Amino acid sequence: MSKESINIDWLGNMAFNAQVNGHEIILDATDAVGGENRGPRPKPLMMVALAGCTGMDVVSILKKMRVEVEGFSVRVEGELTDEHPKHFTGMHIIYEFRGKDLPMDKLQKAVSLSEERYCGVSVSYRKAMNITTEIRVNGNR
C-alpha cells in the first residue's frame, strides 16, 4: 500500500497555502467569514478532484480505443446540506464530448471503466454519497 501526503501552511486570516505534488494552491474563504477570497474553498476542490480523476481516465481510455474527440469537458454539480457540518450528499457528473461521428458505445464504456475500475476519487466518494452521471455529445444527451 502506498501513501499520499500534502501539507498546508497558514497564511493568516483564513488563507492557507497547499503544497500538492510540488505545486501550490492558495485556499481561502470569502470576506463574509473572515477571508480575503485569495483562492478556492476546500469543498469545491472535492468536485475538482472528482472531475480531474475521471476526466484523465476517460481521455486515456478513449486514446487506447482510438476514439478522437475534438473537445471534452467534465462538469460536476454537488448537493450540499443546509445544516452544519455542511457536506455533500450527492454529486452529478456531466461528461461533454465534442466531435464528429463519436461512437456513443465507446464513450459510455470509457465513462463506465473510469467510474467502476480506475477513478479512486469516484470509488471513495461513492462510499459517502450518491454519484450520478450523464453523457452529452455535441450538446445533446
C-alpha atoms as a PDB file:
ATOM      1  CA  MET A   1       0.000   0.000   0.000  1.00  0.00           C
ATOM      2  CA  SER A   2       1.318   3.439  -0.871  1.00  0.00           C
ATOM      3  CA  LYS A   3       0.755   6.764   0.847  1.00  0.00           C
ATOM      4  CA  GLU A   4      -0.039  10.234  -0.434  1.00  0.00           C
ATOM      5  CA  SER A   5       0.825  13.359   1.511  1.00  0.00           C
ATOM      6  CA  ILE A   6       0.095  17.062   1.266  1.00  0.00           C
ATOM      7  CA  ASN A   7       0.952  19.976   3.508  1.00  0.00           C
ATOM      8  CA  ILE A   8      -0.818  23.278   4.082  1.00  0.00           C
ATOM      9  CA  ASP A   9       0.639  26.342   5.782  1.00  0.00           C
ATOM     10  CA  TRP A  10      -1.462  29.076   7.324  1.00  0.00           C
ATOM     11  CA  LEU A  11      -1.009  32.447   5.597  1.00  0.00           C
ATOM     12  CA  GLY A  12      -3.099  34.495   8.019  1.00  0.00           C
ATOM     13  CA  ASN A  13      -6.814  35.145   8.380  1.00  0.00           C
ATOM     14  CA  MET A  14      -8.493  32.179   6.638  1.00  0.00           C
ATOM     15  CA  ALA A  15      -5.889  31.567   3.907  1.00  0.00           C
ATOM     16  CA  PHE A  16      -3.696  28.501   3.542  1.00  0.00           C
ATOM     17  CA  ASN A  17      -1.010  27.608   1.027  1.00  0.00           C
ATOM     18  CA  ALA A  18      -1.323  23.958  -0.005  1.00  0.00           C
ATOM     19  CA  GLN A  19       1.685  22.070  -1.347  1.00  0.00           C
ATOM     20  CA  VAL A  20       0.386  19.354  -3.678  1.00  0.00           C
ATOM     21  CA  ASN A  21       2.684  17.335  -5.944  1.00  0.00           C
ATOM     22  CA  GLY A  22       5.179  20.201  -6.000  1.00  0.00           C
ATOM     23  CA  HIS A  23       2.513  22.782  -6.866  1.00  0.00           C
ATOM     24  CA  GLU A  24       0.953  25.498  -4.745  1.00  0.00           C
ATOM     25  CA  ILE A  25      -2.758  26.109  -4.287  1.00  0.00           C
ATOM     26  CA  ILE A  26      -3.979  29.005  -2.172  1.00  0.00           C
ATOM     27  CA  LEU A  27      -7.145  28.158  -0.229  1.00  0.00           C
ATOM     28  CA  ASP A  28      -9.221  30.915   1.298  1.00  0.00           C
ATOM     29  CA  ALA A  29     -12.679  31.866   2.496  1.00  0.00           C
ATOM     30  CA  THR A  30     -14.970  34.696   1.471  1.00  0.00           C
ATOM     31  CA  ASP A  31     -14.859  38.144   3.049  1.00  0.00           C
ATOM     32  CA  ALA A  32     -18.111  37.336   4.861  1.00  0.00           C
ATOM     33  CA  VAL A  33     -16.372  34.761   7.069  1.00  0.00           C
ATOM     34  CA  GLY A  34     -13.019  36.477   7.563  1.00  0.00           C
ATOM     35  CA  GLY A  35     -11.229  35.509   4.380  1.00  0.00           C
ATOM     36  CA  GLU A  36      -9.903  37.592   1.521  1.00  0.00           C
ATOM     37  CA  ASN A  37     -11.098  35.383  -1.358  1.00  0.00           C
ATOM     38  CA  ARG A  38      -7.499  34.693  -2.435  1.00  0.00           C
ATOM     39  CA  GLY A  39      -8.310  31.187  -3.637  1.00  0.00           C
ATOM     40  CA  PRO A  40     -10.936  28.474  -3.832  1.00  0.00           C
ATOM     41  CA  ARG A  41     -12.739  26.973  -0.876  1.00  0.00           C
ATOM     42  CA  PRO A  42     -11.951  23.343   0.076  1.00  0.00           C
ATOM     43  CA  LYS A  43     -15.327  21.732  -0.711  1.00  0.00           C
ATOM     44  CA  PRO A  44     -15.409  22.765  -4.400  1.00  0.00           C
ATOM     45  CA  LEU A  45     -11.932  21.256  -4.702  1.00  0.00           C
ATOM     46  CA  MET A  46     -13.548  17.923  -3.872  1.00  0.00           C
ATOM     47  CA  MET A  47     -15.515  18.323  -7.111  1.00  0.00           C
ATOM     48  CA  VAL A  48     -12.310  19.307  -8.943  1.00  0.00           C
ATOM     49  CA  ALA A  49     -10.653  16.113  -7.682  1.00  0.00           C
ATOM     50  CA  LEU A  50     -13.532  14.001  -8.988  1.00  0.00           C
ATOM     51  CA  ALA A  51     -13.688  15.754 -12.373  1.00  0.00           C
ATOM     52  CA  GLY A  52      -9.926  15.609 -12.840  1.00  0.00           C
ATOM     53  CA  CYS A  53      -9.630  11.964 -11.851  1.00  0.00           C
ATOM     54  CA  THR A  54     -12.413  10.683 -14.077  1.00  0.00           C
ATOM     55  CA  GLY A  55     -11.556  13.090 -16.906  1.00  0.00           C
ATOM     56  CA  MET A  56      -7.965  11.852 -17.077  1.00  0.00           C
ATOM     57  CA  ASP A  57      -9.194   8.255 -17.073  1.00  0.00           C
ATOM     58  CA  VAL A  58     -11.695   8.856 -19.865  1.00  0.00           C
ATOM     59  CA  VAL A  59      -9.128  10.621 -22.073  1.00  0.00           C
ATOM     60  CA  SER A  60      -6.640   7.789 -21.546  1.00  0.00           C
ATOM     61  CA  ILE A  61      -9.218   5.063 -22.247  1.00  0.00           C
ATOM     62  CA  LEU A  62     -10.545   6.790 -25.375  1.00  0.00           C
ATOM     63  CA  LYS A  63      -6.991   7.194 -26.670  1.00  0.00           C
ATOM     64  CA  LYS A  64      -6.461   3.423 -26.277  1.00  0.00           C
ATOM     65  CA  MET A  65      -9.785   2.856 -28.099  1.00  0.00           C
ATOM     66  CA  ARG A  66      -8.555   5.172 -30.870  1.00  0.00           C
ATOM     67  CA  VAL A  67     -11.521   7.496 -30.418  1.00  0.00           C
ATOM     68  CA  GLU A  68     -10.591  11.059 -31.315  1.00  0.00           C
ATOM     69  CA  VAL A  69     -12.650  13.832 -29.777  1.00  0.00           C
ATOM     70  CA  GLU A  70     -12.385  17.486 -30.743  1.00  0.00           C
ATOM     71  CA  GLY A  71     -13.264  18.663 -27.255  1.00  0.00           C
ATOM     72  CA  PHE A  72     -14.056  17.188 -23.871  1.00  0.00           C
ATOM     73  CA  SER A  73     -15.097  18.662 -20.550  1.00  0.00           C
ATOM     74  CA  VAL A  74     -16.343  17.332 -17.253  1.00  0.00           C
ATOM     75  CA  ARG A  75     -18.751  19.309 -15.085  1.00  0.00           C
ATOM     76  CA  VAL A  76     -19.580  18.252 -11.552  1.00  0.00           C
ATOM     77  CA  GLU A  77     -22.606  19.581  -9.684  1.00  0.00           C
ATOM     78  CA  GLY A  78     -22.708  18.971  -5.937  1.00  0.00           C
ATOM     79  CA  GLU A  79     -25.597  18.970  -3.483  1.00  0.00           C
ATOM     80  CA  LEU A  80     -24.705  20.375  -0.050  1.00  0.00           C
ATOM     81  CA  THR A  81     -26.652  20.112   3.187  1.00  0.00           C
ATOM     82  CA  ASP A  82     -28.034  23.329   4.678  1.00  0.00           C
ATOM     83  CA  GLU A  83     -27.002  22.417   8.232  1.00  0.00           C
ATOM     84  CA  HIS A  84     -23.504  22.284   9.699  1.00  0.00           C
ATOM     85  CA  PRO A  85     -21.331  20.452   9.166  1.00  0.00           C
ATOM     86  CA  LYS A  86     -22.223  21.241   5.561  1.00  0.00           C
ATOM     87  CA  HIS A  87     -21.287  18.309   3.393  1.00  0.00           C
ATOM     88  CA  PHE A  88     -22.058  16.842   0.002  1.00  0.00           C
ATOM     89  CA  THR A  89     -24.982  14.439  -0.151  1.00  0.00           C
ATOM     90  CA  GLY A  90     -24.545  13.802  -3.849  1.00  0.00           C
ATOM     91  CA  MET A  91     -22.671  14.758  -6.986  1.00  0.00           C
ATOM     92  CA  HIS A  92     -23.742  14.685 -10.612  1.00  0.00           C
ATOM     93  CA  ILE A  93     -21.041  14.279 -13.280  1.00  0.00           C
ATOM     94  CA  ILE A  94     -21.732  15.593 -16.773  1.00  0.00           C
ATOM     95  CA  TYR A  95     -19.327  14.369 -19.459  1.00  0.00           C
ATOM     96  CA  GLU A  96     -19.470  16.656 -22.508  1.00  0.00           C
ATOM     97  CA  PHE A  97     -17.863  15.411 -25.722  1.00  0.00           C
ATOM     98  CA  ARG A  98     -17.481  17.370 -28.947  1.00  0.00           C
ATOM     99  CA  GLY A  99     -16.591  15.865 -32.297  1.00  0.00           C
ATOM    100  CA  LYS A 100     -17.830  14.192 -35.459  1.00  0.00           C
ATOM    101  CA  ASP A 101     -19.315  10.695 -35.547  1.00  0.00           C
ATOM    102  CA  LEU A 102     -18.399   9.896 -31.950  1.00  0.00           C
ATOM    103  CA  PRO A 103     -19.298   6.289 -31.059  1.00  0.00           C
ATOM    104  CA  MET A 104     -21.656   6.507 -28.061  1.00  0.00           C
ATOM    105  CA  ASP A 105     -20.949   2.894 -27.063  1.00  0.00           C
ATOM    106  CA  LYS A 106     -17.231   3.649 -26.672  1.00  0.00           C
ATOM    107  CA  LEU A 107     -17.891   6.895 -24.800  1.00  0.00           C
ATOM    108  CA  GLN A 108     -20.170   5.028 -22.387  1.00  0.00           C
ATOM    109  CA  LYS A 109     -17.605   2.243 -21.981  1.00  0.00           C
ATOM    110  CA  ALA A 110     -14.824   4.734 -21.193  1.00  0.00           C
ATOM    111  CA  VAL A 111     -17.000   6.508 -18.609  1.00  0.00           C
ATOM    112  CA  SER A 112     -18.063   3.192 -17.034  1.00  0.00           C
ATOM    113  CA  LEU A 113     -14.490   1.928 -16.808  1.00  0.00           C
ATOM    114  CA  SER A 114     -13.401   5.156 -15.137  1.00  0.00           C
ATOM    115  CA  GLU A 115     -16.240   5.124 -12.637  1.00  0.00           C
ATOM    116  CA  GLU A 116     -16.130   1.430 -11.770  1.00  0.00           C
ATOM    117  CA  ARG A 117     -12.487   0.484 -12.143  1.00  0.00           C
ATOM    118  CA  TYR A 118      -9.972   3.305 -12.376  1.00  0.00           C
ATOM    119  CA  CYS A 119     -11.048   6.543 -10.643  1.00  0.00           C
ATOM    120  CA  GLY A 120     -10.106   6.225  -6.985  1.00  0.00           C
ATOM    121  CA  VAL A 121     -11.798   9.517  -6.154  1.00  0.00           C
ATOM    122  CA  SER A 122     -15.096   8.243  -7.558  1.00  0.00           C
ATOM    123  CA  VAL A 123     -14.793   4.970  -5.649  1.00  0.00           C
ATOM    124  CA  SER A 124     -14.091   6.838  -2.396  1.00  0.00           C
ATOM    125  CA  TYR A 125     -16.905   9.336  -2.864  1.00  0.00           C
ATOM    126  CA  ARG A 126     -19.456   6.626  -3.739  1.00  0.00           C
ATOM    127  CA  LYS A 127     -18.963   5.226  -0.238  1.00  0.00           C
ATOM    128  CA  ALA A 128     -20.118   8.557   1.218  1.00  0.00           C
ATOM    129  CA  MET A 129     -22.716   9.874  -1.241  1.00  0.00           C
ATOM    130  CA  ASN A 130     -24.791   9.236  -4.332  1.00  0.00           C
ATOM    131  CA  ILE A 131     -22.971   9.881  -7.617  1.00  0.00           C
ATOM    132  CA  THR A 132     -24.922  10.123 -10.873  1.00  0.00           C
ATOM    133  CA  THR A 133     -23.643  10.623 -14.408  1.00  0.00           C
ATOM    134  CA  GLU A 134     -24.746  11.957 -17.750  1.00  0.00           C
ATOM    135  CA  ILE A 135     -23.080  11.918 -21.167  1.00  0.00           C
ATOM    136  CA  ARG A 136     -23.656  14.690 -23.702  1.00  0.00           C
ATOM    137  CA  VAL A 137     -22.337  14.668 -27.244  1.00  0.00           C
ATOM    138  CA  ASN A 138     -22.211  17.996 -29.094  1.00  0.00           C
ATOM    139  CA  GLY A 139     -24.660  19.439 -26.584  1.00  0.00           C
ATOM    140  CA  ASN A 140     -27.146  16.530 -26.822  1.00  0.00           C
ATOM    141  CA  ARG A 141     -27.910  13.884 -24.235  1.00  0.00           C
END
